[in-house]
N, C-alpha and C. Protein backbone atom coordinates (compact mmCIF):
# COMPACT_ATOMS: atom_id res chain seq x y z
N MET A 1 -17.76 16.36 -26.21
CA MET A 1 -17.27 16.14 -24.87
C MET A 1 -17.84 17.17 -23.91
N GLN A 2 -17.98 18.39 -24.38
CA GLN A 2 -18.53 19.46 -23.53
C GLN A 2 -19.99 19.15 -23.17
N ARG A 3 -20.74 18.63 -24.13
CA ARG A 3 -22.13 18.28 -23.88
C ARG A 3 -22.22 17.15 -22.85
N THR A 4 -21.34 16.17 -22.96
CA THR A 4 -21.30 15.07 -22.01
C THR A 4 -20.93 15.58 -20.62
N LEU A 5 -19.95 16.47 -20.56
CA LEU A 5 -19.53 17.05 -19.28
C LEU A 5 -20.69 17.80 -18.63
N ASN A 6 -21.40 18.61 -19.41
CA ASN A 6 -22.54 19.35 -18.86
C ASN A 6 -23.64 18.40 -18.39
N HIS A 7 -23.86 17.34 -19.13
CA HIS A 7 -24.87 16.36 -18.74
C HIS A 7 -24.49 15.70 -17.41
N LEU A 8 -23.22 15.33 -17.27
CA LEU A 8 -22.75 14.71 -16.03
C LEU A 8 -22.81 15.68 -14.86
N LYS A 9 -22.54 16.96 -15.12
CA LYS A 9 -22.66 17.97 -14.07
C LYS A 9 -24.10 18.12 -13.61
N ASP A 10 -25.04 18.06 -14.56
CA ASP A 10 -26.47 18.13 -14.21
C ASP A 10 -26.87 16.94 -13.35
N ILE A 11 -26.42 15.77 -13.74
CA ILE A 11 -26.73 14.57 -12.97
C ILE A 11 -26.15 14.69 -11.56
N ASN A 12 -24.91 15.14 -11.47
CA ASN A 12 -24.25 15.31 -10.18
C ASN A 12 -25.02 16.30 -9.31
N ARG A 13 -25.42 17.43 -9.88
CA ARG A 13 -26.17 18.45 -9.13
C ARG A 13 -27.50 17.88 -8.64
N ASN A 14 -28.19 17.15 -9.50
CA ASN A 14 -29.47 16.56 -9.11
C ASN A 14 -29.30 15.54 -7.99
N LEU A 15 -28.26 14.73 -8.08
CA LEU A 15 -28.01 13.74 -7.03
C LEU A 15 -27.66 14.41 -5.70
N ARG A 16 -26.86 15.45 -5.77
CA ARG A 16 -26.51 16.18 -4.54
C ARG A 16 -27.75 16.81 -3.90
N THR A 17 -28.62 17.35 -4.73
CA THR A 17 -29.86 17.93 -4.22
C THR A 17 -30.72 16.85 -3.58
N GLU A 18 -30.82 15.71 -4.23
CA GLU A 18 -31.62 14.61 -3.69
C GLU A 18 -31.04 14.13 -2.36
N ILE A 19 -29.74 14.04 -2.26
CA ILE A 19 -29.10 13.62 -1.00
C ILE A 19 -29.40 14.63 0.10
N ARG A 20 -29.27 15.93 -0.20
CA ARG A 20 -29.57 16.95 0.81
C ARG A 20 -31.02 16.86 1.26
N GLN A 21 -31.92 16.62 0.31
CA GLN A 21 -33.33 16.52 0.66
C GLN A 21 -33.60 15.30 1.52
N ARG A 22 -32.93 14.21 1.23
CA ARG A 22 -33.10 13.00 2.05
C ARG A 22 -32.52 13.18 3.45
N MET A 23 -31.60 14.12 3.57
CA MET A 23 -31.03 14.43 4.87
C MET A 23 -31.86 15.50 5.60
N GLY A 24 -32.94 15.96 4.97
CA GLY A 24 -33.83 16.93 5.60
C GLY A 24 -33.50 18.37 5.29
N GLU A 25 -32.62 18.61 4.34
CA GLU A 25 -32.24 19.97 3.97
C GLU A 25 -32.92 20.34 2.63
N ASP A 26 -32.98 21.63 2.36
CA ASP A 26 -33.52 22.14 1.09
C ASP A 26 -34.93 21.63 0.79
N LEU A 27 -35.77 21.56 1.80
CA LEU A 27 -37.13 21.07 1.59
C LEU A 27 -38.11 22.19 1.28
N ASP A 28 -37.71 23.45 1.50
CA ASP A 28 -38.62 24.57 1.30
C ASP A 28 -39.09 24.72 -0.14
N ALA A 29 -38.27 24.33 -1.09
CA ALA A 29 -38.61 24.51 -2.50
C ALA A 29 -39.53 23.41 -3.02
N LEU A 30 -39.77 22.36 -2.23
CA LEU A 30 -40.58 21.23 -2.70
C LEU A 30 -42.06 21.49 -2.54
N GLU A 31 -42.82 21.04 -3.51
CA GLU A 31 -44.27 21.09 -3.46
C GLU A 31 -44.78 19.93 -2.61
N PHE A 32 -46.06 19.94 -2.31
CA PHE A 32 -46.66 18.91 -1.46
C PHE A 32 -46.45 17.51 -2.04
N GLU A 33 -46.69 17.35 -3.32
CA GLU A 33 -46.54 16.03 -3.96
C GLU A 33 -45.08 15.55 -3.89
N GLU A 34 -44.15 16.46 -4.09
CA GLU A 34 -42.74 16.10 -4.01
C GLU A 34 -42.35 15.69 -2.59
N LEU A 35 -42.90 16.40 -1.62
CA LEU A 35 -42.65 16.03 -0.22
C LEU A 35 -43.22 14.65 0.10
N ARG A 36 -44.42 14.39 -0.41
CA ARG A 36 -45.05 13.09 -0.18
C ARG A 36 -44.23 11.98 -0.83
N ASP A 37 -43.76 12.22 -2.05
CA ASP A 37 -42.92 11.22 -2.74
C ASP A 37 -41.62 10.99 -1.98
N LEU A 38 -41.03 12.06 -1.48
CA LEU A 38 -39.79 11.95 -0.71
C LEU A 38 -40.04 11.13 0.56
N GLU A 39 -41.14 11.39 1.22
CA GLU A 39 -41.49 10.64 2.43
C GLU A 39 -41.65 9.15 2.11
N GLN A 40 -42.33 8.84 1.02
CA GLN A 40 -42.51 7.44 0.64
C GLN A 40 -41.18 6.78 0.30
N ASN A 41 -40.30 7.51 -0.37
CA ASN A 41 -38.97 6.96 -0.68
C ASN A 41 -38.17 6.69 0.59
N VAL A 42 -38.25 7.62 1.53
CA VAL A 42 -37.53 7.43 2.80
C VAL A 42 -38.11 6.25 3.57
N ASP A 43 -39.43 6.12 3.57
CA ASP A 43 -40.07 4.98 4.24
C ASP A 43 -39.64 3.66 3.62
N ALA A 44 -39.60 3.62 2.29
CA ALA A 44 -39.18 2.39 1.61
C ALA A 44 -37.73 2.07 1.92
N ALA A 45 -36.88 3.08 1.95
CA ALA A 45 -35.46 2.86 2.28
C ALA A 45 -35.33 2.37 3.71
N LEU A 46 -36.11 2.93 4.62
CA LEU A 46 -36.08 2.50 6.02
C LEU A 46 -36.49 1.04 6.15
N LYS A 47 -37.50 0.64 5.40
CA LYS A 47 -37.93 -0.77 5.42
C LYS A 47 -36.80 -1.68 4.98
N GLU A 48 -36.12 -1.31 3.91
CA GLU A 48 -35.02 -2.12 3.40
C GLU A 48 -33.89 -2.22 4.41
N VAL A 49 -33.58 -1.10 5.05
CA VAL A 49 -32.51 -1.10 6.06
C VAL A 49 -32.88 -2.00 7.22
N ARG A 50 -34.12 -1.91 7.68
CA ARG A 50 -34.56 -2.76 8.80
C ARG A 50 -34.53 -4.23 8.42
N GLN A 51 -34.97 -4.56 7.22
CA GLN A 51 -34.93 -5.95 6.78
C GLN A 51 -33.50 -6.47 6.75
N ARG A 52 -32.60 -5.66 6.24
CA ARG A 52 -31.19 -6.05 6.17
C ARG A 52 -30.62 -6.23 7.58
N LYS A 53 -30.96 -5.30 8.47
CA LYS A 53 -30.48 -5.37 9.85
C LYS A 53 -30.95 -6.65 10.53
N TYR A 54 -32.23 -6.97 10.40
CA TYR A 54 -32.77 -8.18 11.03
C TYR A 54 -32.15 -9.43 10.41
N HIS A 55 -31.89 -9.39 9.12
CA HIS A 55 -31.24 -10.53 8.47
C HIS A 55 -29.84 -10.74 9.03
N VAL A 56 -29.10 -9.64 9.17
CA VAL A 56 -27.73 -9.73 9.71
C VAL A 56 -27.77 -10.23 11.15
N ILE A 57 -28.68 -9.71 11.95
CA ILE A 57 -28.79 -10.14 13.35
C ILE A 57 -29.13 -11.63 13.42
N THR A 58 -30.07 -12.07 12.61
CA THR A 58 -30.46 -13.48 12.60
C THR A 58 -29.29 -14.36 12.19
N THR A 59 -28.59 -13.97 11.14
CA THR A 59 -27.45 -14.75 10.67
C THR A 59 -26.36 -14.82 11.73
N GLN A 60 -26.06 -13.70 12.36
CA GLN A 60 -25.04 -13.69 13.41
C GLN A 60 -25.46 -14.55 14.60
N THR A 61 -26.71 -14.48 14.97
CA THR A 61 -27.21 -15.28 16.09
C THR A 61 -27.07 -16.76 15.80
N GLU A 62 -27.44 -17.17 14.61
CA GLU A 62 -27.31 -18.57 14.23
C GLU A 62 -25.85 -19.01 14.22
N THR A 63 -24.98 -18.16 13.72
CA THR A 63 -23.55 -18.48 13.68
C THR A 63 -23.01 -18.65 15.09
N TYR A 64 -23.36 -17.75 16.00
CA TYR A 64 -22.87 -17.84 17.37
C TYR A 64 -23.44 -19.06 18.08
N LYS A 65 -24.68 -19.40 17.79
CA LYS A 65 -25.25 -20.62 18.39
C LYS A 65 -24.47 -21.85 17.96
N LYS A 66 -24.10 -21.89 16.69
CA LYS A 66 -23.32 -23.03 16.19
C LYS A 66 -21.94 -23.07 16.83
N LYS A 67 -21.35 -21.90 17.08
CA LYS A 67 -20.03 -21.85 17.70
C LYS A 67 -20.08 -22.24 19.18
N VAL A 68 -21.15 -21.91 19.85
CA VAL A 68 -21.28 -22.17 21.29
C VAL A 68 -21.67 -23.62 21.56
N ARG A 69 -22.37 -24.24 20.66
CA ARG A 69 -22.88 -25.60 20.87
C ARG A 69 -21.79 -26.59 21.31
N PRO A 70 -20.62 -26.66 20.66
CA PRO A 70 -19.59 -27.61 21.12
C PRO A 70 -19.12 -27.32 22.55
N PHE A 71 -19.03 -26.06 22.91
CA PHE A 71 -18.60 -25.71 24.27
C PHE A 71 -19.64 -26.13 25.29
N LEU A 72 -20.90 -25.97 24.96
CA LEU A 72 -21.96 -26.41 25.87
C LEU A 72 -21.93 -27.93 26.02
N ASN A 73 -21.73 -28.64 24.92
CA ASN A 73 -21.64 -30.10 24.99
C ASN A 73 -20.48 -30.52 25.87
N ASN A 74 -19.33 -29.88 25.73
CA ASN A 74 -18.19 -30.20 26.57
C ASN A 74 -18.49 -29.90 28.03
N HIS A 75 -19.15 -28.80 28.27
CA HIS A 75 -19.52 -28.43 29.62
C HIS A 75 -20.43 -29.49 30.25
N TYR A 76 -21.45 -29.91 29.53
CA TYR A 76 -22.37 -30.92 30.03
C TYR A 76 -21.66 -32.26 30.24
N ASN A 77 -20.76 -32.59 29.32
CA ASN A 77 -20.00 -33.83 29.46
C ASN A 77 -19.12 -33.82 30.70
N LEU A 78 -18.53 -32.69 31.00
CA LEU A 78 -17.69 -32.59 32.19
C LEU A 78 -18.51 -32.80 33.47
N PHE A 79 -19.71 -32.26 33.49
CA PHE A 79 -20.54 -32.43 34.67
C PHE A 79 -21.11 -33.84 34.78
N SER A 80 -21.35 -34.48 33.66
CA SER A 80 -21.94 -35.82 33.71
C SER A 80 -20.88 -36.86 34.09
N ILE A 81 -19.60 -36.55 33.88
CA ILE A 81 -18.53 -37.48 34.25
C ILE A 81 -18.41 -37.55 35.78
N ASN A 82 -18.55 -36.44 36.45
CA ASN A 82 -18.42 -36.42 37.91
C ASN A 82 -19.61 -37.07 38.48
C-alpha cells in the first residue's frame, strides 16, 4: 500500500507540474525540446478548443433558426392577411 501511495503521489506531483507549465509557470527548468513539445501540446489543445467552440456556436445557431422560423412564418402571414 505504501508503494502504491508513493506512486500516486508521484503521478499527482507530475500532473501538478504539467498544469503549472501549461499555465506558463515553472518554465525555467525546461530544456529547448521540452519547451517545443509543450508549445505543440498547447497548440493542439487550442485547436481542439476552437473546434469545439465553433461546433457549439453552429449547433446553437441552427437551433435558434429552427425556433425563430415559426415566428417569422406567423409574422409574414399576419402581413399577407392585411
